[in-house]
Amino acid sequence: MGTCKCGYSTDAEKNCNGTHNVVKAVKADIIAKLEANGFAEASDYLKTN
């Protein structure tokens, strides 16, 4: 896949190994749970950072 550009790679040589897809999925799950529990400000922060 080449050199990692997102910075999330767990590969020793920093080659892209798809870790960004896991991070993206977990982040989306956390955002959804925050919104469902009334933490709109926290979910907005995660969406932009």
PDB file of N, CA and C in Angstrom:
ATOM      1  N   MET A   1       0.809  -1.199   0.000  1.00  0.00           N
ATOM      2  CA  MET A   1       0.000   0.000   0.000  1.00  0.00           C
ATOM      3  C   MET A   1       0.852   1.264   0.000  1.00  0.00           C
ATOM      4  N   GLY A   2       2.099   1.180   0.373  1.00  0.00           N
ATOM      5  CA  GLY A   2       2.968   2.352   0.355  1.00  0.00           C
ATOM      6  C   GLY A   2       3.128   2.981   1.726  1.00  0.00           C
ATOM      7  N   THR A   3       3.796   4.098   1.746  1.00  0.00           N
ATOM      8  CA  THR A   3       4.076   4.805   2.989  1.00  0.00           C
ATOM      9  C   THR A   3       2.793   5.379   3.586  1.00  0.00           C
ATOM     10  N   CYS A   4       2.665   5.241   4.890  1.00  0.00           N
ATOM     11  CA  CYS A   4       1.501   5.751   5.615  1.00  0.00           C
ATOM     12  C   CYS A   4       1.505   7.279   5.609  1.00  0.00           C
ATOM     13  N   LYS A   5       0.367   7.858   5.273  1.00  0.00           N
ATOM     14  CA  LYS A   5       0.242   9.311   5.265  1.00  0.00           C
ATOM     15  C   LYS A   5      -0.598   9.821   6.432  1.00  0.00           C
ATOM     16  N   CYS A   6      -1.336   8.946   7.087  1.00  0.00           N
ATOM     17  CA  CYS A   6      -2.229   9.386   8.160  1.00  0.00           C
ATOM     18  C   CYS A   6      -1.568   9.368   9.532  1.00  0.00           C
ATOM     19  N   GLY A   7      -0.506   8.595   9.687  1.00  0.00           N
ATOM     20  CA  GLY A   7       0.179   8.533  10.972  1.00  0.00           C
ATOM     21  C   GLY A   7      -0.319   7.460  11.919  1.00  0.00           C
ATOM     22  N   TYR A   8      -1.304   6.678  11.529  1.00  0.00           N
ATOM     23  CA  TYR A   8      -1.863   5.653  12.403  1.00  0.00           C
ATOM     24  C   TYR A   8      -1.244   4.271  12.203  1.00  0.00           C
ATOM     25  N   SER A   9      -0.348   4.113  11.261  1.00  0.00           N
ATOM     26  CA  SER A   9       0.202   2.800  10.939  1.00  0.00           C
ATOM     27  C   SER A   9       0.875   2.154  12.145  1.00  0.00           C
ATOM     28  N   THR A  10       0.648   0.853  12.287  1.00  0.00           N
ATOM     29  CA  THR A  10       1.313   0.091  13.338  1.00  0.00           C
ATOM     30  C   THR A  10       2.483  -0.706  12.774  1.00  0.00           C
ATOM     31  N   ASP A  11       2.741  -0.531  11.483  1.00  0.00           N
ATOM     32  CA  ASP A  11       3.837  -1.211  10.814  1.00  0.00           C
ATOM     33  C   ASP A  11       5.168  -0.607  11.253  1.00  0.00           C
ATOM     34  N   ALA A  12       6.152  -1.448  11.523  1.00  0.00           N
ATOM     35  CA  ALA A  12       7.464  -0.981  11.990  1.00  0.00           C
ATOM     36  C   ALA A  12       8.139  -0.034  11.008  1.00  0.00           C
ATOM     37  N   GLU A  13       7.901  -0.230   9.721  1.00  0.00           N
ATOM     38  CA  GLU A  13       8.521   0.626   8.706  1.00  0.00           C
ATOM     39  C   GLU A  13       7.579   1.739   8.238  1.00  0.00           C
ATOM     40  N   LYS A  14       6.486   1.919   8.964  1.00  0.00           N
ATOM     41  CA  LYS A  14       5.495   2.964   8.691  1.00  0.00           C
ATOM     42  C   LYS A  14       4.853   2.865   7.310  1.00  0.00           C
ATOM     43  N   ASN A  15       4.695   1.623   6.836  1.00  0.00           N
ATOM     44  CA  ASN A  15       3.947   1.390   5.606  1.00  0.00           C
ATOM     45  C   ASN A  15       2.463   1.329   5.959  1.00  0.00           C
ATOM     46  N   CYS A  16       1.625   1.746   5.049  1.00  0.00           N
ATOM     47  CA  CYS A  16       0.185   1.733   5.289  1.00  0.00           C
ATOM     48  C   CYS A  16      -0.282   0.281   5.453  1.00  0.00           C
ATOM     49  N   ASN A  17      -0.998   0.023   6.538  1.00  0.00           N
ATOM     50  CA  ASN A  17      -1.530  -1.318   6.758  1.00  0.00           C
ATOM     51  C   ASN A  17      -3.032  -1.291   7.044  1.00  0.00           C
ATOM     52  N   GLY A  18      -3.666  -0.171   6.734  1.00  0.00           N
ATOM     53  CA  GLY A  18      -5.113  -0.073   6.893  1.00  0.00           C
ATOM     54  C   GLY A  18      -5.584   0.311   8.282  1.00  0.00           C
ATOM     55  N   THR A  19      -4.679   0.625   9.186  1.00  0.00           N
ATOM     56  CA  THR A  19      -5.058   0.992  10.548  1.00  0.00           C
ATOM     57  C   THR A  19      -6.006   2.189  10.547  1.00  0.00           C
ATOM     58  N   HIS A  20      -5.848   3.089   9.579  1.00  0.00           N
ATOM     59  CA  HIS A  20      -6.715   4.270   9.509  1.00  0.00           C
ATOM     60  C   HIS A  20      -8.183   3.884   9.360  1.00  0.00           C
ATOM     61  N   ASN A  21      -8.451   2.747   8.746  1.00  0.00           N
ATOM     62  CA  ASN A  21      -9.839   2.295   8.605  1.00  0.00           C
ATOM     63  C   ASN A  21     -10.426   1.899   9.954  1.00  0.00           C
ATOM     64  N   VAL A  22      -9.623   1.277  10.797  1.00  0.00           N
ATOM     65  CA  VAL A  22     -10.066   0.896  12.140  1.00  0.00           C
ATOM     66  C   VAL A  22     -10.302   2.149  12.971  1.00  0.00           C
ATOM     67  N   VAL A  23      -9.357   3.086  12.921  1.00  0.00           N
ATOM     68  CA  VAL A  23      -9.483   4.338  13.664  1.00  0.00           C
ATOM     69  C   VAL A  23     -10.752   5.075  13.236  1.00  0.00           C
ATOM     70  N   LYS A  24     -11.000   5.131  11.947  1.00  0.00           N
ATOM     71  CA  LYS A  24     -12.175   5.817  11.402  1.00  0.00           C
ATOM     72  C   LYS A  24     -13.472   5.170  11.911  1.00  0.00           C
ATOM     73  N   ALA A  25     -13.518   3.848  11.923  1.00  0.00           N
ATOM     74  CA  ALA A  25     -14.712   3.129  12.367  1.00  0.00           C
ATOM     75  C   ALA A  25     -14.962   3.324  13.857  1.00  0.00           C
ATOM     76  N   VAL A  26     -13.915   3.243  14.655  1.00  0.00           N
ATOM     77  CA  VAL A  26     -14.050   3.417  16.102  1.00  0.00           C
ATOM     78  C   VAL A  26     -14.478   4.848  16.417  1.00  0.00           C
ATOM     79  N   LYS A  27     -13.874   5.802  15.733  1.00  0.00           N
ATOM     80  CA  LYS A  27     -14.223   7.210  15.940  1.00  0.00           C
ATOM     81  C   LYS A  27     -15.699   7.452  15.604  1.00  0.00           C
ATOM     82  N   ALA A  28     -16.178   6.888  14.511  1.00  0.00           N
ATOM     83  CA  ALA A  28     -17.584   7.039  14.121  1.00  0.00           C
ATOM     84  C   ALA A  28     -18.511   6.428  15.166  1.00  0.00           C
ATOM     85  N   ASP A  29     -18.120   5.293  15.722  1.00  0.00           N
ATOM     86  CA  ASP A  29     -18.916   4.633  16.756  1.00  0.00           C
ATOM     87  C   ASP A  29     -18.980   5.490  18.020  1.00  0.00           C
ATOM     88  N   ILE A  30     -17.853   6.044  18.417  1.00  0.00           N
ATOM     89  CA  ILE A  30     -17.811   6.902  19.608  1.00  0.00           C
ATOM     90  C   ILE A  30     -18.664   8.148  19.389  1.00  0.00           C
ATOM     91  N   ILE A  31     -18.557   8.759  18.216  1.00  0.00           N
ATOM     92  CA  ILE A  31     -19.354   9.950  17.898  1.00  0.00           C
ATOM     93  C   ILE A  31     -20.846   9.638  17.989  1.00  0.00           C
ATOM     94  N   ALA A  32     -21.264   8.519  17.428  1.00  0.00           N
ATOM     95  CA  ALA A  32     -22.677   8.130  17.458  1.00  0.00           C
ATOM     96  C   ALA A  32     -23.158   7.930  18.890  1.00  0.00           C
ATOM     97  N   LYS A  33     -22.336   7.295  19.718  1.00  0.00           N
ATOM     98  CA  LYS A  33     -22.727   7.056  21.112  1.00  0.00           C
ATOM     99  C   LYS A  33     -22.778   8.356  21.908  1.00  0.00           C
ATOM    100  N   LEU A  34     -21.846   9.262  21.653  1.00  0.00           N
ATOM    101  CA  LEU A  34     -21.875  10.563  22.328  1.00  0.00           C
ATOM    102  C   LEU A  34     -23.144  11.331  21.960  1.00  0.00           C
ATOM    103  N   GLU A  35     -23.468  11.353  20.671  1.00  0.00           N
ATOM    104  CA  GLU A  35     -24.672  12.057  20.216  1.00  0.00           C
ATOM    105  C   GLU A  35     -25.934  11.449  20.818  1.00  0.00           C
ATOM    106  N   ALA A  36     -25.989  10.128  20.878  1.00  0.00           N
ATOM    107  CA  ALA A  36     -27.164   9.438  21.416  1.00  0.00           C
ATOM    108  C   ALA A  36     -27.364   9.705  22.902  1.00  0.00           C
ATOM    109  N   ASN A  37     -26.278  10.055  23.588  1.00  0.00           N
ATOM    110  CA  ASN A  37     -26.363  10.296  25.026  1.00  0.00           C
ATOM    111  C   ASN A  37     -26.309  11.777  25.390  1.00  0.00           C
ATOM    112  N   GLY A  38     -26.518  12.640  24.406  1.00  0.00           N
ATOM    113  CA  GLY A  38     -26.636  14.062  24.674  1.00  0.00           C
ATOM    114  C   GLY A  38     -25.337  14.832  24.798  1.00  0.00           C
ATOM    115  N   PHE A  39     -24.265  14.302  24.278  1.00  0.00           N
ATOM    116  CA  PHE A  39     -22.971  14.981  24.350  1.00  0.00           C
ATOM    117  C   PHE A  39     -22.596  15.550  22.982  1.00  0.00           C
ATOM    118  N   ALA A  40     -23.446  16.441  22.474  1.00  0.00           N
ATOM    119  CA  ALA A  40     -23.253  17.008  21.140  1.00  0.00           C
ATOM    120  C   ALA A  40     -21.940  17.771  21.024  1.00  0.00           C
ATOM    121  N   GLU A  41     -21.576  18.512  22.061  1.00  0.00           N
ATOM    122  CA  GLU A  41     -20.335  19.293  22.013  1.00  0.00           C
ATOM    123  C   GLU A  41     -19.117  18.378  21.872  1.00  0.00           C
ATOM    124  N   ALA A  42     -19.112  17.286  22.612  1.00  0.00           N
ATOM    125  CA  ALA A  42     -17.996  16.337  22.534  1.00  0.00           C
ATOM    126  C   ALA A  42     -17.959  15.653  21.169  1.00  0.00           C
ATOM    127  N   SER A  43     -19.109  15.303  20.636  1.00  0.00           N
ATOM    128  CA  SER A  43     -19.126  14.651  19.320  1.00  0.00           C
ATOM    129  C   SER A  43     -18.688  15.622  18.230  1.00  0.00           C
ATOM    130  N   ASP A  44     -19.070  16.886  18.351  1.00  0.00           N
ATOM    131  CA  ASP A  44     -18.618  17.895  17.382  1.00  0.00           C
ATOM    132  C   ASP A  44     -17.106  18.043  17.419  1.00  0.00           C
ATOM    133  N   TYR A  45     -16.540  17.991  18.616  1.00  0.00           N
ATOM    134  CA  TYR A  45     -15.086  18.089  18.756  1.00  0.00           C
ATOM    135  C   TYR A  45     -14.405  16.929  18.028  1.00  0.00           C
ATOM    136  N   LEU A  46     -14.909  15.719  18.231  1.00  0.00           N
ATOM    137  CA  LEU A  46     -14.314  14.557  17.571  1.00  0.00           C
ATOM    138  C   LEU A  46     -14.465  14.618  16.050  1.00  0.00           C
ATOM    139  N   LYS A  47     -15.562  15.170  15.588  1.00  0.00           N
ATOM    140  CA  LYS A  47     -15.779  15.273  14.143  1.00  0.00           C
ATOM    141  C   LYS A  47     -14.754  16.183  13.479  1.00  0.00           C
ATOM    142  N   THR A  48     -14.293  17.186  14.200  1.00  0.00           N
ATOM    143  CA  THR A  48     -13.389  18.172  13.604  1.00  0.00           C
ATOM    144  C   THR A  48     -11.928  17.963  13.967  1.00  0.00           C
ATOM    145  N   ASN A  49     -11.633  17.035  14.836  1.00  0.00           N
ATOM    146  CA  ASN A  49     -10.242  16.785  15.251  1.00  0.00           C
ATOM    147  C   ASN A  49      -9.848  15.342  15.045  1.00  0.00           C
TER     148      ASN A  49
END
